[in-house]
PDB file of N, CA and C in Angstrom:
ATOM      1  N   MET A   1      78.448  94.861  84.848  1.00  0.00           N
ATOM      2  CA  MET A   1      77.383  94.486  85.752  1.00  0.00           C
ATOM      3  C   MET A   1      77.959  93.657  86.896  1.00  0.00           C
ATOM      4  N   PRO A   2      77.449  93.918  88.100  1.00  0.00           N
ATOM      5  CA  PRO A   2      77.953  93.161  89.247  1.00  0.00           C
ATOM      6  C   PRO A   2      77.360  91.756  89.327  1.00  0.00           C
ATOM      7  N   ILE A   3      78.082  90.917  90.007  1.00  0.00           N
ATOM      8  CA  ILE A   3      77.616  89.549  90.265  1.00  0.00           C
ATOM      9  C   ILE A   3      77.129  89.503  91.709  1.00  0.00           C
ATOM     10  N   TYR A   4      75.906  89.092  91.901  1.00  0.00           N
ATOM     11  CA  TYR A   4      75.297  89.003  93.225  1.00  0.00           C
ATOM     12  C   TYR A   4      75.208  87.546  93.650  1.00  0.00           C
ATOM     13  N   THR A   5      75.346  87.311  94.942  1.00  0.00           N
ATOM     14  CA  THR A   5      75.190  85.979  95.506  1.00  0.00           C
ATOM     15  C   THR A   5      73.865  85.955  96.264  1.00  0.00           C
ATOM     16  N   PHE A   6      73.052  84.960  95.956  1.00  0.00           N
ATOM     17  CA  PHE A   6      71.742  84.817  96.579  1.00  0.00           C
ATOM     18  C   PHE A   6      71.666  83.494  97.314  1.00  0.00           C
ATOM     19  N   ARG A   7      70.734  83.428  98.289  1.00  0.00           N
ATOM     20  CA  ARG A   7      70.479  82.185  99.019  1.00  0.00           C
ATOM     21  C   ARG A   7      68.972  81.924  98.981  1.00  0.00           C
ATOM     22  N   ASN A   8      68.639  80.699  98.633  1.00  0.00           N
ATOM     23  CA  ASN A   8      67.248  80.266  98.660  1.00  0.00           C
ATOM     24  C   ASN A   8      66.935  79.870 100.097  1.00  0.00           C
ATOM     25  N   LYS A   9      65.985  80.578 100.726  1.00  0.00           N
ATOM     26  CA  LYS A   9      65.656  80.322 102.129  1.00  0.00           C
ATOM     27  C   LYS A   9      65.033  78.945 102.336  1.00  0.00           C
ATOM     28  N   LYS A  10      64.363  78.438 101.339  1.00  0.00           N
ATOM     29  CA  LYS A  10      63.704  77.132 101.458  1.00  0.00           C
ATOM     30  C   LYS A  10      64.707  75.984 101.380  1.00  0.00           C
ATOM     31  N   SER A  11      65.573  76.026 100.367  1.00  0.00           N
ATOM     32  CA  SER A  11      66.517  74.914 100.181  1.00  0.00           C
ATOM     33  C   SER A  11      67.880  75.179 100.824  1.00  0.00           C
ATOM     34  N   GLY A  12      68.207  76.443 101.103  1.00  0.00           N
ATOM     35  CA  GLY A  12      69.504  76.777 101.697  1.00  0.00           C
ATOM     36  C   GLY A  12      70.641  76.842 100.699  1.00  0.00           C
ATOM     37  N   LYS A  13      70.344  76.698  99.425  1.00  0.00           N
ATOM     38  CA  LYS A  13      71.395  76.710  98.401  1.00  0.00           C
ATOM     39  C   LYS A  13      71.754  78.143  98.016  1.00  0.00           C
ATOM     40  N   GLU A  14      73.029  78.343  97.754  1.00  0.00           N
ATOM     41  CA  GLU A  14      73.517  79.646  97.301  1.00  0.00           C
ATOM     42  C   GLU A  14      73.820  79.574  95.812  1.00  0.00           C
ATOM     43  N   PHE A  15      73.598  80.703  95.133  1.00  0.00           N
ATOM     44  CA  PHE A  15      73.912  80.776  93.705  1.00  0.00           C
ATOM     45  C   PHE A  15      74.258  82.216  93.350  1.00  0.00           C
ATOM     46  N   ASP A  16      75.010  82.359  92.271  1.00  0.00           N
ATOM     47  CA  ASP A  16      75.435  83.673  91.787  1.00  0.00           C
ATOM     48  C   ASP A  16      74.672  84.011  90.526  1.00  0.00           C
ATOM     49  N   ASP A  17      74.434  85.321  90.357  1.00  0.00           N
ATOM     50  CA  ASP A  17      73.758  85.788  89.151  1.00  0.00           C
ATOM     51  C   ASP A  17      74.278  87.183  88.822  1.00  0.00           C
ATOM     52  N   MET A  18      74.441  87.447  87.537  1.00  0.00           N
ATOM     53  CA  MET A  18      74.921  88.745  87.093  1.00  0.00           C
ATOM     54  C   MET A  18      73.727  89.551  86.595  1.00  0.00           C
ATOM     55  N   MET A  19      73.545  90.740  87.184  1.00  0.00           N
ATOM     56  CA  MET A  19      72.432  91.604  86.787  1.00  0.00           C
ATOM     57  C   MET A  19      72.708  93.022  87.264  1.00  0.00           C
ATOM     58  N   THR A  20      71.947  93.971  86.739  1.00  0.00           N
ATOM     59  CA  THR A  20      72.093  95.356  87.175  1.00  0.00           C
ATOM     60  C   THR A  20      71.446  95.530  88.544  1.00  0.00           C
ATOM     61  N   ILE A  21      71.694  96.664  89.154  1.00  0.00           N
ATOM     62  CA  ILE A  21      71.127  96.930  90.476  1.00  0.00           C
ATOM     63  C   ILE A  21      69.605  96.958  90.401  1.00  0.00           C
ATOM     64  N   SER A  22      69.053  97.623  89.386  1.00  0.00           N
ATOM     65  CA  SER A  22      67.586  97.694  89.274  1.00  0.00           C
ATOM     66  C   SER A  22      66.980  96.308  89.030  1.00  0.00           C
ATOM     67  N   GLU A  23      67.662  95.475  88.234  1.00  0.00           N
ATOM     68  CA  GLU A  23      67.185  94.105  88.019  1.00  0.00           C
ATOM     69  C   GLU A  23      67.221  93.310  89.321  1.00  0.00           C
ATOM     70  N   MET A  24      68.273  93.519  90.114  1.00  0.00           N
ATOM     71  CA  MET A  24      68.397  92.806  91.385  1.00  0.00           C
ATOM     72  C   MET A  24      67.280  93.213  92.341  1.00  0.00           C
ATOM     73  N   GLU A  25      66.966  94.511  92.406  1.00  0.00           N
ATOM     74  CA  GLU A  25      65.897  94.982  93.290  1.00  0.00           C
ATOM     75  C   GLU A  25      64.541  94.403  92.868  1.00  0.00           C
ATOM     76  N   THR A  26      64.286  94.380  91.565  1.00  0.00           N
ATOM     77  CA  THR A  26      63.038  93.801  91.062  1.00  0.00           C
ATOM     78  C   THR A  26      62.982  92.304  91.370  1.00  0.00           C
ATOM     79  N   TYR A  27      64.089  91.603  91.173  1.00  0.00           N
ATOM     80  CA  TYR A  27      64.169  90.164  91.428  1.00  0.00           C
ATOM     81  C   TYR A  27      63.897  89.864  92.907  1.00  0.00           C
ATOM     82  N   MET A  28      64.460  90.684  93.800  1.00  0.00           N
ATOM     83  CA  MET A  28      64.274  90.473  95.239  1.00  0.00           C
ATOM     84  C   MET A  28      62.815  90.712  95.646  1.00  0.00           C
ATOM     85  N   LYS A  29      62.149  91.695  95.012  1.00  0.00           N
ATOM     86  CA  LYS A  29      60.740  91.969  95.341  1.00  0.00           C
ATOM     87  C   LYS A  29      59.832  90.839  94.874  1.00  0.00           C
ATOM     88  N   LYS A  30      60.135  90.261  93.713  1.00  0.00           N
ATOM     89  CA  LYS A  30      59.300  89.190  93.168  1.00  0.00           C
ATOM     90  C   LYS A  30      59.512  87.865  93.893  1.00  0.00           C
ATOM     91  N   ASN A  31      60.730  87.617  94.379  1.00  0.00           N
ATOM     92  CA  ASN A  31      61.068  86.330  94.998  1.00  0.00           C
ATOM     93  C   ASN A  31      61.376  86.544  96.484  1.00  0.00           C
ATOM     94  N   LYS A  32      60.360  86.474  97.308  1.00  0.00           N
ATOM     95  CA  LYS A  32      60.512  86.712  98.746  1.00  0.00           C
ATOM     96  C   LYS A  32      61.284  85.589  99.439  1.00  0.00           C
ATOM     97  N   HIS A  33      61.358  84.426  98.832  1.00  0.00           N
ATOM     98  CA  HIS A  33      62.077  83.298  99.433  1.00  0.00           C
ATOM     99  C   HIS A  33      63.579  83.348  99.131  1.00  0.00           C
ATOM    100  N   ILE A  34      64.023  84.377  98.409  1.00  0.00           N
ATOM    101  CA  ILE A  34      65.441  84.554  98.072  1.00  0.00           C
ATOM    102  C   ILE A  34      65.986  85.723  98.880  1.00  0.00           C
ATOM    103  N   SER A  35      67.165  85.533  99.474  1.00  0.00           N
ATOM    104  CA  SER A  35      67.831  86.637 100.181  1.00  0.00           C
ATOM    105  C   SER A  35      69.221  86.830  99.588  1.00  0.00           C
ATOM    106  N   GLN A  36      69.684  88.055  99.655  1.00  0.00           N
ATOM    107  CA  GLN A  36      71.014  88.359  99.129  1.00  0.00           C
ATOM    108  C   GLN A  36      72.046  88.040 100.201  1.00  0.00           C
ATOM    109  N   VAL A  37      73.146  87.430  99.796  1.00  0.00           N
ATOM    110  CA  VAL A  37      74.230  87.078 100.708  1.00  0.00           C
ATOM    111  C   VAL A  37      75.314  88.141 100.567  1.00  0.00           C
ATOM    112  N   PRO A  38      75.601  88.867 101.641  1.00  0.00           N
ATOM    113  CA  PRO A  38      76.665  89.882 101.541  1.00  0.00           C
ATOM    114  C   PRO A  38      78.031  89.210 101.406  1.00  0.00           C
ATOM    115  N   LYS A  39      78.792  89.661 100.465  1.00  0.00           N
ATOM    116  CA  LYS A  39      80.144  89.143 100.223  1.00  0.00           C
ATOM    117  C   LYS A  39      81.110  90.305 100.214  1.00  0.00           C
ATOM    118  N   GLY A  40      82.368  90.033 100.473  1.00  0.00           N
ATOM    119  CA  GLY A  40      83.395  91.051 100.392  1.00  0.00           C
ATOM    120  C   GLY A  40      83.626  91.455  98.947  1.00  0.00           C
ATOM    121  N   ILE A  41      84.014  92.697  98.770  1.00  0.00           N
ATOM    122  CA  ILE A  41      84.258  93.168  97.412  1.00  0.00           C
ATOM    123  C   ILE A  41      85.725  92.964  97.058  1.00  0.00           C
ATOM    124  N   ASN A  42      85.991  92.788  95.799  1.00  0.00           N
ATOM    125  CA  ASN A  42      87.356  92.612  95.322  1.00  0.00           C
ATOM    126  C   ASN A  42      87.881  93.952  94.854  1.00  0.00           C
ATOM    127  N   ILE A  43      88.886  94.456  95.559  1.00  0.00           N
ATOM    128  CA  ILE A  43      89.495  95.732  95.191  1.00  0.00           C
ATOM    129  C   ILE A  43      90.981  95.497  94.978  1.00  0.00           C
ATOM    130  N   VAL A  44      91.473  95.958  93.870  1.00  0.00           N
ATOM    131  CA  VAL A  44      92.905  95.908  93.601  1.00  0.00           C
ATOM    132  C   VAL A  44      93.413  97.325  93.790  1.00  0.00           C
ATOM    133  N   SER A  45      94.202  97.520  94.841  1.00  0.00           N
ATOM    134  CA  SER A  45      94.670  98.865  95.141  1.00  0.00           C
ATOM    135  C   SER A  45      95.883  99.249  94.304  1.00  0.00           C
ATOM    136  N   GLY A  46      96.553  98.307  93.779  1.00  0.00           N
ATOM    137  CA  GLY A  46      97.720  98.588  92.966  1.00  0.00           C
ATOM    138  C   GLY A  46      98.523  97.321  92.784  1.00  0.00           C
ATOM    139  N   ALA A  47      99.410  97.378  91.875  1.00  0.00           N
ATOM    140  CA  ALA A  47     100.277  96.232  91.633  1.00  0.00           C
ATOM    141  C   ALA A  47     101.693  96.751  91.448  1.00  0.00           C
ATOM    142  N   MET A  48     102.624  95.988  91.934  1.00  0.00           N
ATOM    143  CA  MET A  48     104.012  96.412  91.783  1.00  0.00           C
ATOM    144  C   MET A  48     104.383  96.372  90.306  1.00  0.00           C
ATOM    145  N   GLY A  49     105.083  97.361  89.895  1.00  0.00           N
ATOM    146  CA  GLY A  49     105.480  97.415  88.501  1.00  0.00           C
ATOM    147  C   GLY A  49     105.774  98.839  88.093  1.00  0.00           C
ATOM    148  N   ILE A  50     105.651  99.103  86.844  1.00  0.00           N
ATOM    149  CA  ILE A  50     105.988 100.407  86.303  1.00  0.00           C
ATOM    150  C   ILE A  50     105.116 101.504  86.909  1.00  0.00           C
ATOM    151  N   SER A  51     103.848 101.237  87.122  1.00  0.00           N
ATOM    152  CA  SER A  51     102.937 102.274  87.606  1.00  0.00           C
ATOM    153  C   SER A  51     103.160 102.624  89.072  1.00  0.00           C
ATOM    154  N   MET A  52     103.907 101.837  89.822  1.00  0.00           N
ATOM    155  CA  MET A  52     104.083 102.081  91.245  1.00  0.00           C
ATOM    156  C   MET A  52     105.383 102.823  91.572  1.00  0.00           C
ATOM    157  N   LYS A  53     106.115 103.270  90.582  1.00  0.00           N
ATOM    158  CA  LYS A  53     107.348 104.005  90.844  1.00  0.00           C
ATOM    159  C   LYS A  53     107.020 105.401  91.341  1.00  0.00           C
ATOM    160  N   THR A  54     107.840 105.890  92.267  1.00  0.00           N
ATOM    161  CA  THR A  54     107.621 107.241  92.763  1.00  0.00           C
ATOM    162  C   THR A  54     108.208 108.234  91.770  1.00  0.00           C
ATOM    163  N   ASP A  55     107.533 109.354  91.640  1.00  0.00           N
ATOM    164  CA  ASP A  55     107.995 110.350  90.678  1.00  0.00           C
ATOM    165  C   ASP A  55     109.092 111.216  91.300  1.00  0.00           C
ATOM    166  N   ASP A  56     109.752 112.009  90.480  1.00  0.00           N
ATOM    167  CA  ASP A  56     110.875 112.828  90.926  1.00  0.00           C
ATOM    168  C   ASP A  56     110.440 113.914  91.906  1.00  0.00           C
ATOM    169  N   GLY A  57     109.224 114.410  91.768  1.00  0.00           N
ATOM    170  CA  GLY A  57     108.730 115.424  92.693  1.00  0.00           C
ATOM    171  C   GLY A  57     108.652 114.906  94.118  1.00  0.00           C
ATOM    172  N   TRP A  58     108.177 113.674  94.272  1.00  0.00           N
ATOM    173  CA  TRP A  58     108.092 113.076  95.605  1.00  0.00           C
ATOM    174  C   TRP A  58     109.490 112.817  96.169  1.00  0.00           C
ATOM    175  N   LYS A  59     110.404 112.345  95.318  1.00  0.00           N
ATOM    176  CA  LYS A  59     111.772 112.101  95.769  1.00  0.00           C
ATOM    177  C   LYS A  59     112.432 113.401  96.211  1.00  0.00           C
ATOM    178  N   GLU A  60     112.169 114.472  95.488  1.00  0.00           N
ATOM    179  CA  GLU A  60     112.730 115.775  95.838  1.00  0.00           C
ATOM    180  C   GLU A  60     112.156 116.256  97.175  1.00  0.00           C
ATOM    181  N   ASN A  61     110.879 116.025  97.396  1.00  0.00           N
ATOM    182  CA  ASN A  61     110.245 116.407  98.655  1.00  0.00           C
ATOM    183  C   ASN A  61     110.863 115.634  99.813  1.00  0.00           C
ATOM    184  N   LEU A  62     111.070 114.333  99.648  1.00  0.00           N
ATOM    185  CA  LEU A  62     111.721 113.526 100.688  1.00  0.00           C
ATOM    186  C   LEU A  62     113.130 114.023 100.958  1.00  0.00           C
ATOM    187  N   SER A  63     113.819 114.408  99.903  1.00  0.00           N
ATOM    188  CA  SER A  63     115.182 114.908 100.047  1.00  0.00           C
ATOM    189  C   SER A  63     115.210 116.204 100.857  1.00  0.00           C
ATOM    190  N   ARG A  64     114.255 117.115 100.592  1.00  0.00           N
ATOM    191  CA  ARG A  64     114.200 118.375 101.348  1.00  0.00           C
ATOM    192  C   ARG A  64     113.893 118.125 102.822  1.00  0.00           C
ATOM    193  N   ILE A  65     112.992 117.192 103.093  1.00  0.00           N
ATOM    194  CA  ILE A  65     112.681 116.855 104.487  1.00  0.00           C
ATOM    195  C   ILE A  65     113.907 116.250 105.162  1.00  0.00           C
ATOM    196  N   ALA A  66     114.609 115.392 104.456  1.00  0.00           N
ATOM    197  CA  ALA A  66     115.807 114.749 104.995  1.00  0.00           C
ATOM    198  C   ALA A  66     116.903 115.779 105.298  1.00  0.00           C
ATOM    199  N   GLU A  67     117.045 116.787 104.439  1.00  0.00           N
ATOM    200  CA  GLU A  67     118.038 117.834 104.693  1.00  0.00           C
ATOM    201  C   GLU A  67     117.673 118.656 105.922  1.00  0.00           C
ATOM    202  N   ALA A  68     116.377 118.884 106.136  1.00  0.00           N
ATOM    203  CA  ALA A  68     115.937 119.663 107.295  1.00  0.00           C
ATOM    204  C   ALA A  68     116.101 118.879 108.594  1.00  0.00           C
ATOM    205  N   HIS A  69     116.032 117.542 108.525  1.00  0.00           N
ATOM    206  CA  HIS A  69     116.139 116.685 109.704  1.00  0.00           C
ATOM    207  C   HIS A  69     117.171 115.589 109.436  1.00  0.00           C
ATOM    208  N   PRO A  70     118.453 115.938 109.429  1.00  0.00           N
ATOM    209  CA  PRO A  70     119.479 114.968 109.021  1.00  0.00           C
ATOM    210  C   PRO A  70     119.647 113.777 109.962  1.00  0.00           C
ATOM    211  N   ASN A  71     119.276 113.912 111.244  1.00  0.00           N
ATOM    212  CA  ASN A  71     119.468 112.807 112.184  1.00  0.00           C
ATOM    213  C   ASN A  71     118.254 111.897 112.307  1.00  0.00           C
ATOM    214  N   SER A  72     117.186 112.191 111.567  1.00  0.00           N
ATOM    215  CA  SER A  72     116.000 111.342 111.604  1.00  0.00           C
ATOM    216  C   SER A  72     116.206 110.116 110.715  1.00  0.00           C
ATOM    217  N   GLU A  73     115.301 109.146 110.834  1.00  0.00           N
ATOM    218  CA  GLU A  73     115.387 107.955 109.979  1.00  0.00           C
ATOM    219  C   GLU A  73     115.257 108.329 108.508  1.00  0.00           C
ATOM    220  N   LEU A  74     114.358 109.266 108.222  1.00  0.00           N
ATOM    221  CA  LEU A  74     114.194 109.723 106.844  1.00  0.00           C
ATOM    222  C   LEU A  74     115.483 110.385 106.356  1.00  0.00           C
ATOM    223  N   GLY A  75     116.107 111.149 107.233  1.00  0.00           N
ATOM    224  CA  GLY A  75     117.363 111.796 106.873  1.00  0.00           C
ATOM    225  C   GLY A  75     118.467 110.797 106.596  1.00  0.00           C
ATOM    226  N   LYS A  76     118.493 109.717 107.368  1.00  0.00           N
ATOM    227  CA  LYS A  76     119.520 108.696 107.157  1.00  0.00           C
ATOM    228  C   LYS A  76     119.297 107.945 105.844  1.00  0.00           C
ATOM    229  N   GLN A  77     118.033 107.797 105.441  1.00  0.00           N
ATOM    230  CA  GLN A  77     117.728 107.043 104.230  1.00  0.00           C
ATOM    231  C   GLN A  77     117.846 107.882 102.964  1.00  0.00           C
ATOM    232  N   HIS A  78     117.401 109.138 103.010  1.00  0.00           N
ATOM    233  CA  HIS A  78     117.257 109.910 101.775  1.00  0.00           C
ATOM    234  C   HIS A  78     118.224 111.073 101.629  1.00  0.00           C
ATOM    235  N   ASN A  79     118.957 111.407 102.674  1.00  0.00           N
ATOM    236  CA  ASN A  79     119.868 112.542 102.589  1.00  0.00           C
ATOM    237  C   ASN A  79     121.146 112.115 101.890  1.00  0.00           C
ATOM    238  N   LYS A  80     121.528 112.866 100.883  1.00  0.00           N
ATOM    239  CA  LYS A  80     122.779 112.570 100.179  1.00  0.00           C
ATOM    240  C   LYS A  80     123.922 113.162 100.995  1.00  0.00           C
ATOM    241  N   LYS A  81     124.872 112.306 101.363  1.00  0.00           N
ATOM    242  CA  LYS A  81     125.980 112.734 102.208  1.00  0.00           C
ATOM    243  C   LYS A  81     127.272 112.763 101.407  1.00  0.00           C
ATOM    244  N   THR A  82     128.119 113.710 101.750  1.00  0.00           N
ATOM    245  CA  THR A  82     129.439 113.776 101.127  1.00  0.00           C
ATOM    246  C   THR A  82     130.357 112.795 101.851  1.00  0.00           C
ATOM    247  N   ILE A  83     131.506 112.549 101.264  1.00  0.00           N
ATOM    248  CA  ILE A  83     132.499 111.659 101.886  1.00  0.00           C
ATOM    249  C   ILE A  83     132.914 112.219 103.235  1.00  0.00           C
ATOM    250  N   LYS A  84     133.071 113.543 103.311  1.00  0.00           N
ATOM    251  CA  LYS A  84     133.470 114.174 104.563  1.00  0.00           C
ATOM    252  C   LYS A  84     132.425 113.921 105.650  1.00  0.00           C
ATOM    253  N   GLN A  85     131.144 114.044 105.325  1.00  0.00           N
ATOM    254  CA  GLN A  85     130.084 113.805 106.303  1.00  0.00           C
ATOM    255  C   GLN A  85     130.078 112.347 106.755  1.00  0.00           C
ATOM    256  N   ILE A  86     130.318 111.429 105.831  1.00  0.00           N
ATOM    257  CA  ILE A  86     130.346 110.002 106.178  1.00  0.00           C
ATOM    258  C   ILE A  86     131.504 109.706 107.113  1.00  0.00           C
ATOM    259  N   LYS A  87     132.698 110.211 106.795  1.00  0.00           N
ATOM    260  CA  LYS A  87     133.877 109.979 107.624  1.00  0.00           C
ATOM    261  C   LYS A  87     133.715 110.630 109.001  1.00  0.00           C
ATOM    262  N   THR A  88     133.115 111.820 109.051  1.00  0.00           N
ATOM    263  CA  THR A  88     132.877 112.487 110.329  1.00  0.00           C
ATOM    264  C   THR A  88     131.934 111.666 111.183  1.00  0.00           C
ATOM    265  N   GLN A  89     130.866 111.141 110.587  1.00  0.00           N
ATOM    266  CA  GLN A  89     129.905 110.312 111.325  1.00  0.00           C
ATOM    267  C   GLN A  89     130.571 109.040 111.838  1.00  0.00           C
ATOM    268  N   GLN A  90     131.423 108.430 111.027  1.00  0.00           N
ATOM    269  CA  GLN A  90     132.129 107.227 111.461  1.00  0.00           C
ATOM    270  C   GLN A  90     133.063 107.531 112.634  1.00  0.00           C
ATOM    271  N   ALA A  91     133.763 108.676 112.579  1.00  0.00           N
ATOM    272  CA  ALA A  91     134.669 109.061 113.661  1.00  0.00           C
ATOM    273  C   ALA A  91     133.887 109.330 114.945  1.00  0.00           C
ATOM    274  N   LEU A  92     132.737 110.002 114.836  1.00  0.00           N
ATOM    275  CA  LEU A  92     131.906 110.272 116.014  1.00  0.00           C
ATOM    276  C   LEU A  92     131.396 108.974 116.638  1.00  0.00           C
ATOM    277  N   THR A  93     130.960 108.051 115.812  1.00  0.00           N
ATOM    278  CA  THR A  93     130.459 106.769 116.307  1.00  0.00           C
ATOM    279  C   THR A  93     131.572 106.000 117.016  1.00  0.00           C
ATOM    280  N   LYS A  94     132.760 105.998 116.421  1.00  0.00           N
ATOM    281  CA  LYS A  94     133.904 105.296 117.015  1.00  0.00           C
ATOM    282  C   LYS A  94     134.289 105.936 118.350  1.00  0.00           C
ATOM    283  N   ASN A  95     134.281 107.274 118.412  1.00  0.00           N
ATOM    284  CA  ASN A  95     134.646 107.971 119.638  1.00  0.00           C
ATOM    285  C   ASN A  95     133.597 107.744 120.733  1.00  0.00           C
ATOM    286  N   ARG A  96     132.305 107.755 120.367  1.00  0.00           N
ATOM    287  CA  ARG A  96     131.262 107.498 121.357  1.00  0.00           C
ATOM    288  C   ARG A  96     131.412 106.099 121.954  1.00  0.00           C
ATOM    289  N   LYS A  97     131.743 105.130 121.113  1.00  0.00           N
ATOM    290  CA  LYS A  97     131.934 103.762 121.590  1.00  0.00           C
ATOM    291  C   LYS A  97     133.138 103.691 122.521  1.00  0.00           C
ATOM    292  N   ARG A  98     134.228 104.399 122.161  1.00  0.00           N
ATOM    293  CA  ARG A  98     135.446 104.390 122.976  1.00  0.00           C
ATOM    294  C   ARG A  98     135.180 105.022 124.337  1.00  0.00           C
ATOM    295  N   VAL A  99     134.454 106.132 124.367  1.00  0.00           N
ATOM    296  CA  VAL A  99     134.140 106.803 125.630  1.00  0.00           C
ATOM    297  C   VAL A  99     133.207 105.939 126.484  1.00  0.00           C
ATOM    298  N   ALA A 100     132.222 105.296 125.856  1.00  0.00           N
ATOM    299  CA  ALA A 100     131.309 104.433 126.597  1.00  0.00           C
ATOM    300  C   ALA A 100     132.045 103.243 127.199  1.00  0.00           C
ATOM    301  N   ASP A 101     132.969 102.645 126.433  1.00  0.00           N
ATOM    302  CA  ASP A 101     133.750 101.516 126.945  1.00  0.00           C
ATOM    303  C   ASP A 101     134.638 101.957 128.110  1.00  0.00           C
ATOM    304  N   ARG A 102     135.218 103.141 128.004  1.00  0.00           N
ATOM    305  CA  ARG A 102     136.094 103.645 129.065  1.00  0.00           C
ATOM    306  C   ARG A 102     135.289 103.910 130.337  1.00  0.00           C
ATOM    307  N   SER A 103     134.046 104.423 130.208  1.00  0.00           N
ATOM    308  CA  SER A 103     133.241 104.706 131.393  1.00  0.00           C
ATOM    309  C   SER A 103     132.765 103.427 132.078  1.00  0.00           C
ATOM    310  N   ARG A 104     132.695 102.329 131.325  1.00  0.00           N
ATOM    311  CA  ARG A 104     132.308 101.037 131.906  1.00  0.00           C
ATOM    312  C   ARG A 104     133.508 100.274 132.477  1.00  0.00           C
ATOM    313  N   GLY A 105     134.694 100.822 132.323  1.00  0.00           N
ATOM    314  CA  GLY A 105     135.881 100.180 132.856  1.00  0.00           C
ATOM    315  C   GLY A 105     136.632  99.332 131.876  1.00  0.00           C
ATOM    316  N   LYS A 106     136.193  99.272 130.637  1.00  0.00           N
ATOM    317  CA  LYS A 106     136.903  98.499 129.621  1.00  0.00           C
ATOM    318  C   LYS A 106     137.971  99.368 128.993  1.00  0.00           C
ATOM    319  N   LYS A 107     138.998  98.735 128.465  1.00  0.00           N
ATOM    320  CA  LYS A 107     140.040  99.486 127.772  1.00  0.00           C
ATOM    321  C   LYS A 107     140.181  99.047 126.364  1.00  0.00           C
TER     322      LYS A 107
END
């Protein structure tokens, strides 16, 4: 059963009461000097722990997307690279830096 917050219009005091929806509607009809106070609802969307682990199907899907787009951020995070691919990327990065420095006049 939900807990409702009510306000007495005469005294201005707020109070909580637990009742069913039909009981609340009947209570509101009988007591015209009482109004319901809207409150935010408490929702727990999840908690970190065992239940929040991603399953293998999702990991496999991310891996396939990463293979299709190797230069994207997803590709950099989830694509499994061989040693050769890593060394090639390092050589390309080093060469790009060397060419950029040379074009700016640095040696």
